[in-house]
Structures are given as C-alpha cells and as structure tokens.
Amino acid sequence: MIKSMTGFGRCELSNDKRKITVELKSVNHRYLDINIRMPKKLNFFEAAIRSLLKEYMQRGKVDVFISYEDFSEQTMAVKYNAAIAREYLGYLQQMADELNLENDIRVSTLSRYPEVLTMEEQTPDEEELWSQLEQTIRNACTQFAQTRAVEGAHLKQDLVEKLHHMKLNVDKVEERAPQIVREYRTKLEEKVQELLGDTQIDEARLSTEIILFADKICTDEETVRLKSHITSMLNALDGNEGIGRKLDFIAQEMNREANTILSKSNDLETSGIAIELKTEIEKVREQIQNIE
C-alpha cells in the first residue's frame, strides 16, 4: 500500500488529572523532517516521541503540536530547606554572641528568609504521564496514517491510468517505425527517378542508404527500455510503502528514453508522440513527489 506524504491526524485524551491533545500535519519533503511543538514539561520525552513517530512515517515534513492541561489542584508544593535554616540560625546566634545582643529570632521570622521555604511545582508520575502521552500520539498517528493511505490510493489509481496511456503511446512509436522506413524508401526512389529519368536505379546503393537511415532513426532500444520502466513502476505501485524515491528514479530514466526518441525522430507524427510521452512523464513525476 502506497501512502501520500500529505496527511492529518488528531487525538485528545483526558482524565481527572490532565488532558493531552496531539495534532499532526504533513506535506511533501525529500526526507523525514519532524518538527515538534510542546510544553517544556514534556521536553523530557522528545527522544521517545520522535522514535514513536518514525514507526508511522518515513518521509515528509511533519509538524507535531502537543498541548497539555493539568487538572490537579496540588500542582505546587512548599519545600522546607532545613540546612539553609540551620545556617541562618547559626550565623544569627554568632552575631548575638559577638555583639552581646539578644537573640530574638522566631520561627515566623526565620521562615521568611530566602530559600528557607520555597514553592515548587510537583513532578508528575513520569510513567503514568508517558502512558497517556504515548496512547494519544499513537491514536493521532493511526488517523494520520489512514489519511495518507486514502490519498495514496487515489495517487496510485491516477498513476496507473497515466502509465497505461503512456504504454499505448510507446506502442504507437513502435508501430510507426517501419512505416517511416517504407515512406523514406518511396520518397527516395521517387527522387532518384526524378533525377535519373529512365536510367536504371542502383538497388544496392539504394538499400545501403535505406539501411543507414533506418539505423539512424531506430528507437527499438529506447522503446523496449521505456516499456520495461513502465512495467517496473506498475509493479512498484503494488508493493509496500516507502517507494517514492524508487519511483522518482524510474521516472528520470523514462524521461531520458523519451528525450532520445525525440532526438532521433525526423518524422512529425513520431515527434508529436514523443512530446506527448515527455508531457505524461512530467505529470507522473509531479504525482510521485507526493508519494512517501
């Protein structure tokens, strides 16, 4: 099953503690380029997220948006730093002794000293958080892969139709080739007859000239290779995903053969067919750019 590089997927999972939303969008790209936007709280999971995403995609520019809402009421907690408090108290006692002052420090006073009591955000259970995040990503990726597969099926159908039409044009080039030689022989005989009048035509020289002409315009190798490339592409379209680069290479080879046919042609009809072939190949290449 081939897949398009254009896709979309979205999933939202929530419970009494949090809500996580994941959205994926992708467009064409030569390689796999994943751009993730998410809250800093989830940065710890970035490597795992990238690894997970690669299970569902091989090529394309993919934008991933992850949002996180915490429903817990106890997201912040007070932290008491006993070491800092003892150090403050020690210095205060030292000041009282050295300066002969009363040590009137109270707990309420000491608690207001910097870093004695601090507010810290509670760290969520990483295993529990990842379980919910992973499930949300997988659900979004499943939808993402489905949209790519549906678009891929449309691309395949369009490409198959174009390739079959291309094959018909290659057949026309092959059918036209012997007719061109016959027409050239007729014209050559008429021209020689016009120049020589009743003089006997040298059949040996005439045959040699026709053979040289036939060899010059012969496109047998090009049409055979072009048919082979068409068959290879049709077979590839029935294969597994991740064939975009292979199809692009085959299309380049097709274009090379069509160019050679056009350059060898001195026949208006064959030239028109070759130009149509090049146009079809270019359309195929444009569609291939959408395949993963």
C-alpha atoms as a PDB file:
ATOM      1  CA  MET A   1       0.000   0.000   0.000  1.00  0.00           C
ATOM      2  CA  ILE A   2       1.471   3.317  -1.044  1.00  0.00           C
ATOM      3  CA  LYS A   3       0.952   6.426   1.052  1.00  0.00           C
ATOM      4  CA  SER A   4       0.798  10.096   0.264  1.00  0.00           C
ATOM      5  CA  MET A   5       3.099  12.458   2.128  1.00  0.00           C
ATOM      6  CA  THR A   6       0.135  14.730   2.809  1.00  0.00           C
ATOM      7  CA  GLY A   7      -1.713  13.743   5.962  1.00  0.00           C
ATOM      8  CA  PHE A   8      -3.515  14.885   9.101  1.00  0.00           C
ATOM      9  CA  GLY A   9      -4.226  13.267  12.445  1.00  0.00           C
ATOM     10  CA  ARG A  10      -5.602  14.432  15.774  1.00  0.00           C
ATOM     11  CA  CYS A  11      -6.402  12.883  19.142  1.00  0.00           C
ATOM     12  CA  GLU A  12      -7.387  14.178  22.558  1.00  0.00           C
ATOM     13  CA  LEU A  13      -7.303  12.067  25.716  1.00  0.00           C
ATOM     14  CA  SER A  14      -8.242  13.343  29.166  1.00  0.00           C
ATOM     15  CA  ASN A  15      -8.798  12.029  32.670  1.00  0.00           C
ATOM     16  CA  ASP A  16      -9.282  13.556  36.109  1.00  0.00           C
ATOM     17  CA  LYS A  17      -5.617  14.629  36.231  1.00  0.00           C
ATOM     18  CA  ARG A  18      -4.800  16.020  32.791  1.00  0.00           C
ATOM     19  CA  LYS A  19      -5.781  16.492  29.152  1.00  0.00           C
ATOM     20  CA  ILE A  20      -3.347  15.854  26.299  1.00  0.00           C
ATOM     21  CA  THR A  21      -4.035  16.832  22.686  1.00  0.00           C
ATOM     22  CA  VAL A  22      -1.843  15.767  19.754  1.00  0.00           C
ATOM     23  CA  GLU A  23      -2.197  17.074  16.205  1.00  0.00           C
ATOM     24  CA  LEU A  24      -0.089  16.080  13.182  1.00  0.00           C
ATOM     25  CA  LYS A  25       0.131  17.710   9.765  1.00  0.00           C
ATOM     26  CA  SER A  26       2.485  16.817   6.919  1.00  0.00           C
ATOM     27  CA  VAL A  27       3.464  17.993   3.450  1.00  0.00           C
ATOM     28  CA  ASN A  28       5.953  16.821   0.840  1.00  0.00           C
ATOM     29  CA  HIS A  29       9.637  16.650   1.688  1.00  0.00           C
ATOM     30  CA  ARG A  30      12.614  14.776   0.304  1.00  0.00           C
ATOM     31  CA  TYR A  31      13.414  13.264   3.698  1.00  0.00           C
ATOM     32  CA  LEU A  32      11.673  12.887   7.060  1.00  0.00           C
ATOM     33  CA  ASP A  33      11.665  16.229   8.862  1.00  0.00           C
ATOM     34  CA  ILE A  34       9.797  16.205  12.192  1.00  0.00           C
ATOM     35  CA  ASN A  35       9.129  19.489  13.980  1.00  0.00           C
ATOM     36  CA  ILE A  36       7.619  19.118  17.478  1.00  0.00           C
ATOM     37  CA  ARG A  37       5.995  21.924  19.444  1.00  0.00           C
ATOM     38  CA  MET A  38       5.079  21.050  23.021  1.00  0.00           C
ATOM     39  CA  PRO A  39       5.186  22.431  26.598  1.00  0.00           C
ATOM     40  CA  LYS A  40       8.573  22.431  28.347  1.00  0.00           C
ATOM     41  CA  LYS A  41       7.137  19.988  30.862  1.00  0.00           C
ATOM     42  CA  LEU A  42       7.146  17.317  28.134  1.00  0.00           C
ATOM     43  CA  ASN A  43      10.619  18.010  26.701  1.00  0.00           C
ATOM     44  CA  PHE A  44      11.982  15.044  28.636  1.00  0.00           C
ATOM     45  CA  PHE A  45      10.023  12.740  26.303  1.00  0.00           C
ATOM     46  CA  GLU A  46      11.193  14.260  22.991  1.00  0.00           C
ATOM     47  CA  ALA A  47      13.519  11.402  22.000  1.00  0.00           C
ATOM     48  CA  ALA A  48      10.837   8.821  22.782  1.00  0.00           C
ATOM     49  CA  ILE A  49       8.244  10.829  20.833  1.00  0.00           C
ATOM     50  CA  ARG A  50      10.477  11.022  17.743  1.00  0.00           C
ATOM     51  CA  SER A  51      11.169   7.306  17.911  1.00  0.00           C
ATOM     52  CA  LEU A  52       7.448   6.600  18.180  1.00  0.00           C
ATOM     53  CA  LEU A  53       6.561   8.849  15.229  1.00  0.00           C
ATOM     54  CA  LYS A  54       9.067   7.080  12.962  1.00  0.00           C
ATOM     55  CA  GLU A  55       7.028   3.899  13.324  1.00  0.00           C
ATOM     56  CA  TYR A  56       4.272   5.571  11.294  1.00  0.00           C
ATOM     57  CA  MET A  57       6.144   7.665   8.706  1.00  0.00           C
ATOM     58  CA  GLN A  58       9.256   7.549   6.532  1.00  0.00           C
ATOM     59  CA  ARG A  59       9.200  10.771   4.514  1.00  0.00           C
ATOM     60  CA  GLY A  60       7.592  14.194   4.654  1.00  0.00           C
ATOM     61  CA  LYS A  61       7.766  17.453   6.581  1.00  0.00           C
ATOM     62  CA  VAL A  62       5.708  16.683   9.682  1.00  0.00           C
ATOM     63  CA  ASP A  63       4.558  19.309  12.180  1.00  0.00           C
ATOM     64  CA  VAL A  64       3.511  17.901  15.553  1.00  0.00           C
ATOM     65  CA  PHE A  65       1.576  20.030  18.048  1.00  0.00           C
ATOM     66  CA  ILE A  66       1.150  18.749  21.612  1.00  0.00           C
ATOM     67  CA  SER A  67      -0.857  20.618  24.245  1.00  0.00           C
ATOM     68  CA  TYR A  68      -1.085  19.720  27.933  1.00  0.00           C
ATOM     69  CA  GLU A  69      -3.586  20.810  30.586  1.00  0.00           C
ATOM     70  CA  ASP A  70      -3.091  19.843  34.219  1.00  0.00           C
ATOM     71  CA  PHE A  71      -6.325  19.445  36.223  1.00  0.00           C
ATOM     72  CA  SER A  72      -4.620  18.589  39.517  1.00  0.00           C
ATOM     73  CA  GLU A  73      -5.214  21.111  42.304  1.00  0.00           C
ATOM     74  CA  GLN A  74      -1.943  20.268  44.030  1.00  0.00           C
ATOM     75  CA  THR A  75       0.437  21.245  41.274  1.00  0.00           C
ATOM     76  CA  MET A  76       2.590  23.306  43.671  1.00  0.00           C
ATOM     77  CA  ALA A  77       4.117  22.251  46.996  1.00  0.00           C
ATOM     78  CA  VAL A  78       6.021  24.023  49.805  1.00  0.00           C
ATOM     79  CA  LYS A  79       9.575  22.828  50.327  1.00  0.00           C
ATOM     80  CA  TYR A  80      11.424  23.370  53.607  1.00  0.00           C
ATOM     81  CA  ASN A  81      15.214  23.658  53.379  1.00  0.00           C
ATOM     82  CA  ALA A  82      16.415  22.668  56.850  1.00  0.00           C
ATOM     83  CA  ALA A  83      20.108  23.088  56.012  1.00  0.00           C
ATOM     84  CA  ILE A  84      19.615  26.705  54.966  1.00  0.00           C
ATOM     85  CA  ALA A  85      17.507  27.398  58.077  1.00  0.00           C
ATOM     86  CA  ARG A  86      20.203  25.962  60.391  1.00  0.00           C
ATOM     87  CA  GLU A  87      22.871  28.004  58.641  1.00  0.00           C
ATOM     88  CA  TYR A  88      20.854  31.202  59.070  1.00  0.00           C
ATOM     89  CA  LEU A  89      20.235  30.348  62.747  1.00  0.00           C
ATOM     90  CA  GLY A  90      23.919  29.650  63.337  1.00  0.00           C
ATOM     91  CA  TYR A  91      25.014  32.981  61.936  1.00  0.00           C
ATOM     92  CA  LEU A  92      22.318  34.819  63.900  1.00  0.00           C
ATOM     93  CA  GLN A  93      23.483  33.163  67.127  1.00  0.00           C
ATOM     94  CA  GLN A  94      27.088  34.082  66.273  1.00  0.00           C
ATOM     95  CA  MET A  95      26.074  37.706  65.739  1.00  0.00           C
ATOM     96  CA  ALA A  96      24.235  37.736  69.077  1.00  0.00           C
ATOM     97  CA  ASP A  97      27.269  36.346  70.917  1.00  0.00           C
ATOM     98  CA  GLU A  98      29.826  38.609  69.268  1.00  0.00           C
ATOM     99  CA  LEU A  99      27.786  41.779  69.601  1.00  0.00           C
ATOM    100  CA  ASN A 100      26.298  40.942  73.012  1.00  0.00           C
ATOM    101  CA  LEU A 101      22.747  41.166  71.663  1.00  0.00           C
ATOM    102  CA  GLU A 102      19.612  39.285  72.485  1.00  0.00           C
ATOM    103  CA  ASN A 103      18.839  36.527  70.002  1.00  0.00           C
ATOM    104  CA  ASP A 104      15.161  37.252  69.374  1.00  0.00           C
ATOM    105  CA  ILE A 105      14.768  35.158  66.243  1.00  0.00           C
ATOM    106  CA  ARG A 106      11.394  33.452  65.870  1.00  0.00           C
ATOM    107  CA  VAL A 107      10.229  30.706  63.538  1.00  0.00           C
ATOM    108  CA  SER A 108       7.914  33.110  61.745  1.00  0.00           C
ATOM    109  CA  THR A 109      10.859  35.415  61.114  1.00  0.00           C
ATOM    110  CA  LEU A 110      13.252  32.676  60.031  1.00  0.00           C
ATOM    111  CA  SER A 111      10.690  31.222  57.632  1.00  0.00           C
ATOM    112  CA  ARG A 112      10.693  34.463  55.621  1.00  0.00           C
ATOM    113  CA  TYR A 113      14.426  34.283  54.952  1.00  0.00           C
ATOM    114  CA  PRO A 114      15.327  33.496  51.282  1.00  0.00           C
ATOM    115  CA  GLU A 115      15.284  29.830  50.303  1.00  0.00           C
ATOM    116  CA  VAL A 116      14.100  28.572  53.701  1.00  0.00           C
ATOM    117  CA  LEU A 117      10.588  27.941  52.369  1.00  0.00           C
ATOM    118  CA  THR A 118      10.086  27.702  48.603  1.00  0.00           C
ATOM    119  CA  MET A 119       7.250  26.821  46.269  1.00  0.00           C
ATOM    120  CA  GLU A 120       7.997  24.033  43.828  1.00  0.00           C
ATOM    121  CA  GLU A 121       5.942  22.505  41.067  1.00  0.00           C
ATOM    122  CA  GLN A 122       5.230  18.875  41.796  1.00  0.00           C
ATOM    123  CA  THR A 123       6.742  16.428  39.340  1.00  0.00           C
ATOM    124  CA  PRO A 124       4.077  14.163  37.824  1.00  0.00           C
ATOM    125  CA  ASP A 125       4.486  10.416  37.696  1.00  0.00           C
ATOM    126  CA  GLU A 126       6.596  10.066  34.520  1.00  0.00           C
ATOM    127  CA  GLU A 127       5.475   6.524  33.787  1.00  0.00           C
ATOM    128  CA  GLU A 128       1.810   7.441  34.120  1.00  0.00           C
ATOM    129  CA  LEU A 129       2.272  10.641  32.074  1.00  0.00           C
ATOM    130  CA  TRP A 130       4.132   8.826  29.291  1.00  0.00           C
ATOM    131  CA  SER A 131       1.462   6.117  29.137  1.00  0.00           C
ATOM    132  CA  GLN A 132      -1.230   8.699  28.418  1.00  0.00           C
ATOM    133  CA  LEU A 133       1.002  10.720  26.070  1.00  0.00           C
ATOM    134  CA  GLU A 134       2.039   7.624  24.111  1.00  0.00           C
ATOM    135  CA  GLN A 135      -1.557   6.491  23.657  1.00  0.00           C
ATOM    136  CA  THR A 136      -2.596   9.946  22.458  1.00  0.00           C
ATOM    137  CA  ILE A 137       0.265  10.069  19.939  1.00  0.00           C
ATOM    138  CA  ARG A 138      -0.470   6.565  18.646  1.00  0.00           C
ATOM    139  CA  ASN A 139      -4.150   7.368  18.156  1.00  0.00           C
ATOM    140  CA  ALA A 140      -3.274  10.552  16.261  1.00  0.00           C
ATOM    141  CA  CYS A 141      -0.693   8.672  14.174  1.00  0.00           C
ATOM    142  CA  THR A 142      -3.222   5.968  13.290  1.00  0.00           C
ATOM    143  CA  GLN A 143      -5.601   8.583  11.916  1.00  0.00           C
ATOM    144  CA  PHE A 144      -2.652  10.322  10.237  1.00  0.00           C
ATOM    145  CA  ALA A 145      -1.603   7.077   8.511  1.00  0.00           C
ATOM    146  CA  GLN A 146      -5.172   6.407   7.373  1.00  0.00           C
ATOM    147  CA  THR A 147      -5.489   9.789   5.665  1.00  0.00           C
ATOM    148  CA  ARG A 148      -2.152   9.188   3.956  1.00  0.00           C
ATOM    149  CA  ALA A 149      -3.278   5.743   2.785  1.00  0.00           C
ATOM    150  CA  VAL A 150      -6.555   7.075   1.343  1.00  0.00           C
ATOM    151  CA  GLU A 151      -4.715   9.809  -0.563  1.00  0.00           C
ATOM    152  CA  GLY A 152      -2.100   7.233  -1.612  1.00  0.00           C
ATOM    153  CA  ALA A 153      -4.810   5.045  -3.160  1.00  0.00           C
ATOM    154  CA  HIS A 154      -6.007   7.989  -5.245  1.00  0.00           C
ATOM    155  CA  LEU A 155      -2.444   8.708  -6.347  1.00  0.00           C
ATOM    156  CA  LYS A 156      -1.928   5.081  -7.327  1.00  0.00           C
ATOM    157  CA  GLN A 157      -5.086   4.997  -9.441  1.00  0.00           C
ATOM    158  CA  ASP A 158      -4.082   8.183 -11.250  1.00  0.00           C
ATOM    159  CA  LEU A 159      -0.541   6.923 -11.879  1.00  0.00           C
ATOM    160  CA  VAL A 160      -1.729   3.553 -13.204  1.00  0.00           C
ATOM    161  CA  GLU A 161      -4.011   5.309 -15.692  1.00  0.00           C
ATOM    162  CA  LYS A 162      -1.183   7.580 -16.831  1.00  0.00           C
ATOM    163  CA  LEU A 163       1.230   4.647 -17.211  1.00  0.00           C
ATOM    164  CA  HIS A 164      -1.239   2.619 -19.312  1.00  0.00           C
ATOM    165  CA  HIS A 165      -1.778   5.614 -21.573  1.00  0.00           C
ATOM    166  CA  MET A 166       1.992   6.023 -21.816  1.00  0.00           C
ATOM    167  CA  LYS A 167       2.293   2.375 -22.863  1.00  0.00           C
ATOM    168  CA  LEU A 168      -0.174   2.991 -25.712  1.00  0.00           C
ATOM    169  CA  ASN A 169       1.992   5.846 -26.968  1.00  0.00           C
ATOM    170  CA  VAL A 170       5.113   3.669 -26.857  1.00  0.00           C
ATOM    171  CA  ASP A 171       3.226   1.080 -28.942  1.00  0.00           C
ATOM    172  CA  LYS A 172       2.427   3.829 -31.450  1.00  0.00           C
ATOM    173  CA  VAL A 173       6.138   4.700 -31.752  1.00  0.00           C
ATOM    174  CA  GLU A 174       6.950   1.043 -32.429  1.00  0.00           C
ATOM    175  CA  GLU A 175       4.149   0.714 -34.992  1.00  0.00           C
ATOM    176  CA  ARG A 176       5.177   3.897 -36.736  1.00  0.00           C
ATOM    177  CA  ALA A 177       8.877   2.973 -37.103  1.00  0.00           C
ATOM    178  CA  PRO A 178       8.611   0.529 -40.101  1.00  0.00           C
ATOM    179  CA  GLN A 179       6.160   2.876 -41.831  1.00  0.00           C
ATOM    180  CA  ILE A 180       8.728   5.683 -41.639  1.00  0.00           C
ATOM    181  CA  VAL A 181      11.324   3.492 -43.381  1.00  0.00           C
ATOM    182  CA  ARG A 182       8.864   2.476 -46.113  1.00  0.00           C
ATOM    183  CA  GLU A 183       7.865   6.079 -46.679  1.00  0.00           C
ATOM    184  CA  TYR A 184      11.518   7.102 -46.855  1.00  0.00           C
ATOM    185  CA  ARG A 185      12.224   4.382 -49.456  1.00  0.00           C
ATOM    186  CA  THR A 186       9.308   5.530 -51.560  1.00  0.00           C
ATOM    187  CA  LYS A 187      10.379   9.174 -51.413  1.00  0.00           C
ATOM    188  CA  LEU A 188      13.988   8.258 -52.136  1.00  0.00           C
ATOM    189  CA  GLU A 189      13.011   6.157 -55.153  1.00  0.00           C
ATOM    190  CA  GLU A 190      10.815   8.947 -56.472  1.00  0.00           C
ATOM    191  CA  LYS A 191      13.614  11.485 -56.012  1.00  0.00           C
ATOM    192  CA  VAL A 192      16.191   9.290 -57.764  1.00  0.00           C
ATOM    193  CA  GLN A 193      13.769   8.530 -60.564  1.00  0.00           C
ATOM    194  CA  GLU A 194      13.116  12.226 -60.987  1.00  0.00           C
ATOM    195  CA  LEU A 195      16.851  12.958 -61.225  1.00  0.00           C
ATOM    196  CA  LEU A 196      17.902   9.986 -63.384  1.00  0.00           C
ATOM    197  CA  GLY A 197      14.874   9.635 -65.609  1.00  0.00           C
ATOM    198  CA  ASP A 198      14.815   6.239 -67.336  1.00  0.00           C
ATOM    199  CA  THR A 199      18.235   5.238 -66.044  1.00  0.00           C
ATOM    200  CA  GLN A 200      18.250   2.013 -64.003  1.00  0.00           C
ATOM    201  CA  ILE A 201      18.285   2.591 -60.230  1.00  0.00           C
ATOM    202  CA  ASP A 202      21.201   1.014 -58.343  1.00  0.00           C
ATOM    203  CA  GLU A 203      19.284  -1.168 -55.880  1.00  0.00           C
ATOM    204  CA  ALA A 204      22.431  -1.925 -53.836  1.00  0.00           C
ATOM    205  CA  ARG A 205      23.180   1.743 -53.169  1.00  0.00           C
ATOM    206  CA  LEU A 206      19.504   2.424 -52.548  1.00  0.00           C
ATOM    207  CA  SER A 207      19.342  -0.406 -49.997  1.00  0.00           C
ATOM    208  CA  THR A 208      22.506   0.832 -48.283  1.00  0.00           C
ATOM    209  CA  GLU A 209      21.060   4.328 -47.970  1.00  0.00           C
ATOM    210  CA  ILE A 210      17.821   2.978 -46.521  1.00  0.00           C
ATOM    211  CA  ILE A 211      19.699   0.791 -44.021  1.00  0.00           C
ATOM    212  CA  LEU A 212      21.747   3.778 -42.839  1.00  0.00           C
ATOM    213  CA  PHE A 213      18.576   5.833 -42.457  1.00  0.00           C
ATOM    214  CA  ALA A 214      16.773   3.048 -40.592  1.00  0.00           C
ATOM    215  CA  ASP A 215      19.713   2.647 -38.224  1.00  0.00           C
ATOM    216  CA  LYS A 216      19.844   6.383 -37.592  1.00  0.00           C
ATOM    217  CA  ILE A 217      16.197   6.649 -36.602  1.00  0.00           C
ATOM    218  CA  CYS A 218      15.937   3.258 -34.855  1.00  0.00           C
ATOM    219  CA  THR A 219      14.352   3.586 -31.398  1.00  0.00           C
ATOM    220  CA  ASP A 220      13.938  -0.111 -30.626  1.00  0.00           C
ATOM    221  CA  GLU A 221      16.245   0.012 -27.595  1.00  0.00           C
ATOM    222  CA  GLU A 222      14.539   3.103 -26.208  1.00  0.00           C
ATOM    223  CA  THR A 223      11.004   1.732 -26.577  1.00  0.00           C
ATOM    224  CA  VAL A 224      12.000  -1.612 -25.029  1.00  0.00           C
ATOM    225  CA  ARG A 225      13.593   0.152 -22.039  1.00  0.00           C
ATOM    226  CA  LEU A 226      10.655   2.522 -21.735  1.00  0.00           C
ATOM    227  CA  LYS A 227       8.220  -0.402 -21.604  1.00  0.00           C
ATOM    228  CA  SER A 228      10.435  -2.066 -19.023  1.00  0.00           C
ATOM    229  CA  HIS A 229      10.400   1.095 -16.884  1.00  0.00           C
ATOM    230  CA  ILE A 230       6.604   1.309 -17.149  1.00  0.00           C
ATOM    231  CA  THR A 231       6.295  -2.314 -16.003  1.00  0.00           C
ATOM    232  CA  SER A 232       8.746  -1.696 -13.141  1.00  0.00           C
ATOM    233  CA  MET A 233       6.750   1.299 -11.958  1.00  0.00           C
ATOM    234  CA  LEU A 234       3.454  -0.598 -12.119  1.00  0.00           C
ATOM    235  CA  ASN A 235       4.993  -3.427 -10.085  1.00  0.00           C
ATOM    236  CA  ALA A 236       6.408  -0.953  -7.563  1.00  0.00           C
ATOM    237  CA  LEU A 237       2.957   0.606  -7.120  1.00  0.00           C
ATOM    238  CA  ASP A 238       1.688  -2.802  -5.998  1.00  0.00           C
ATOM    239  CA  GLY A 239       4.469  -3.073  -3.434  1.00  0.00           C
ATOM    240  CA  ASN A 240       4.855  -1.786   0.096  1.00  0.00           C
ATOM    241  CA  GLU A 241       5.036   1.817   1.272  1.00  0.00           C
ATOM    242  CA  GLY A 242       8.177   3.934   1.126  1.00  0.00           C
ATOM    243  CA  ILE A 243       8.667   3.679  -2.661  1.00  0.00           C
ATOM    244  CA  GLY A 244       8.702   7.385  -3.520  1.00  0.00           C
ATOM    245  CA  ARG A 245      12.453   7.622  -4.146  1.00  0.00           C
ATOM    246  CA  LYS A 246      12.442   4.474  -6.294  1.00  0.00           C
ATOM    247  CA  LEU A 247       9.581   5.779  -8.435  1.00  0.00           C
ATOM    248  CA  ASP A 248      11.326   9.115  -8.859  1.00  0.00           C
ATOM    249  CA  PHE A 249      14.456   7.353 -10.157  1.00  0.00           C
ATOM    250  CA  ILE A 250      12.399   5.281 -12.643  1.00  0.00           C
ATOM    251  CA  ALA A 251      10.677   8.444 -13.879  1.00  0.00           C
ATOM    252  CA  GLN A 252      14.068  10.042 -14.535  1.00  0.00           C
ATOM    253  CA  GLU A 253      15.059   7.028 -16.647  1.00  0.00           C
ATOM    254  CA  MET A 254      11.754   7.245 -18.544  1.00  0.00           C
ATOM    255  CA  ASN A 255      12.408  10.878 -19.354  1.00  0.00           C
ATOM    256  CA  ARG A 256      15.879  10.019 -20.662  1.00  0.00           C
ATOM    257  CA  GLU A 257      14.439   7.435 -23.102  1.00  0.00           C
ATOM    258  CA  ALA A 258      11.707   9.813 -24.289  1.00  0.00           C
ATOM    259  CA  ASN A 259      14.325  12.507 -24.950  1.00  0.00           C
ATOM    260  CA  THR A 260      16.347  10.065 -27.056  1.00  0.00           C
ATOM    261  CA  ILE A 261      13.274   9.064 -29.083  1.00  0.00           C
ATOM    262  CA  LEU A 262      12.524  12.730 -29.738  1.00  0.00           C
ATOM    263  CA  SER A 263      16.111  13.496 -30.767  1.00  0.00           C
ATOM    264  CA  LYS A 264      16.210  10.557 -33.234  1.00  0.00           C
ATOM    265  CA  SER A 265      12.864  11.311 -34.789  1.00  0.00           C
ATOM    266  CA  ASN A 266      12.661  13.109 -38.148  1.00  0.00           C
ATOM    267  CA  ASP A 267       9.009  12.208 -38.510  1.00  0.00           C
ATOM    268  CA  LEU A 268       6.366  14.717 -37.481  1.00  0.00           C
ATOM    269  CA  GLU A 269       3.960  12.088 -36.119  1.00  0.00           C
ATOM    270  CA  THR A 270       6.630  10.346 -34.034  1.00  0.00           C
ATOM    271  CA  SER A 271       7.874  13.687 -32.728  1.00  0.00           C
ATOM    272  CA  GLY A 272       4.346  14.510 -31.589  1.00  0.00           C
ATOM    273  CA  ILE A 273       4.060  11.172 -29.801  1.00  0.00           C
ATOM    274  CA  ALA A 274       7.462  11.688 -28.132  1.00  0.00           C
ATOM    275  CA  ILE A 275       6.441  15.144 -26.925  1.00  0.00           C
ATOM    276  CA  GLU A 276       3.226  13.683 -25.506  1.00  0.00           C
ATOM    277  CA  LEU A 277       5.298  10.997 -23.783  1.00  0.00           C
ATOM    278  CA  LYS A 278       7.513  13.647 -22.180  1.00  0.00           C
ATOM    279  CA  THR A 279       4.413  15.541 -21.009  1.00  0.00           C
ATOM    280  CA  GLU A 280       2.960  12.380 -19.467  1.00  0.00           C
ATOM    281  CA  ILE A 281       6.247  11.523 -17.770  1.00  0.00           C
ATOM    282  CA  GLU A 282       6.416  15.014 -16.273  1.00  0.00           C
ATOM    283  CA  LYS A 283       2.877  14.594 -14.894  1.00  0.00           C
ATOM    284  CA  VAL A 284       3.898  11.239 -13.418  1.00  0.00           C
ATOM    285  CA  ARG A 285       6.965  12.813 -11.797  1.00  0.00           C
ATOM    286  CA  GLU A 286       4.807  15.538 -10.256  1.00  0.00           C
ATOM    287  CA  GLN A 287       2.478  12.946  -8.735  1.00  0.00           C
ATOM    288  CA  ILE A 288       5.400  10.863  -7.488  1.00  0.00           C
ATOM    289  CA  GLN A 289       6.606  13.848  -5.449  1.00  0.00           C
ATOM    290  CA  ASN A 290       3.515  13.284  -3.265  1.00  0.00           C
ATOM    291  CA  ILE A 291       4.325   9.628  -2.505  1.00  0.00           C
ATOM    292  CA  GLU A 292       6.096   8.623   0.689  1.00  0.00           C
END
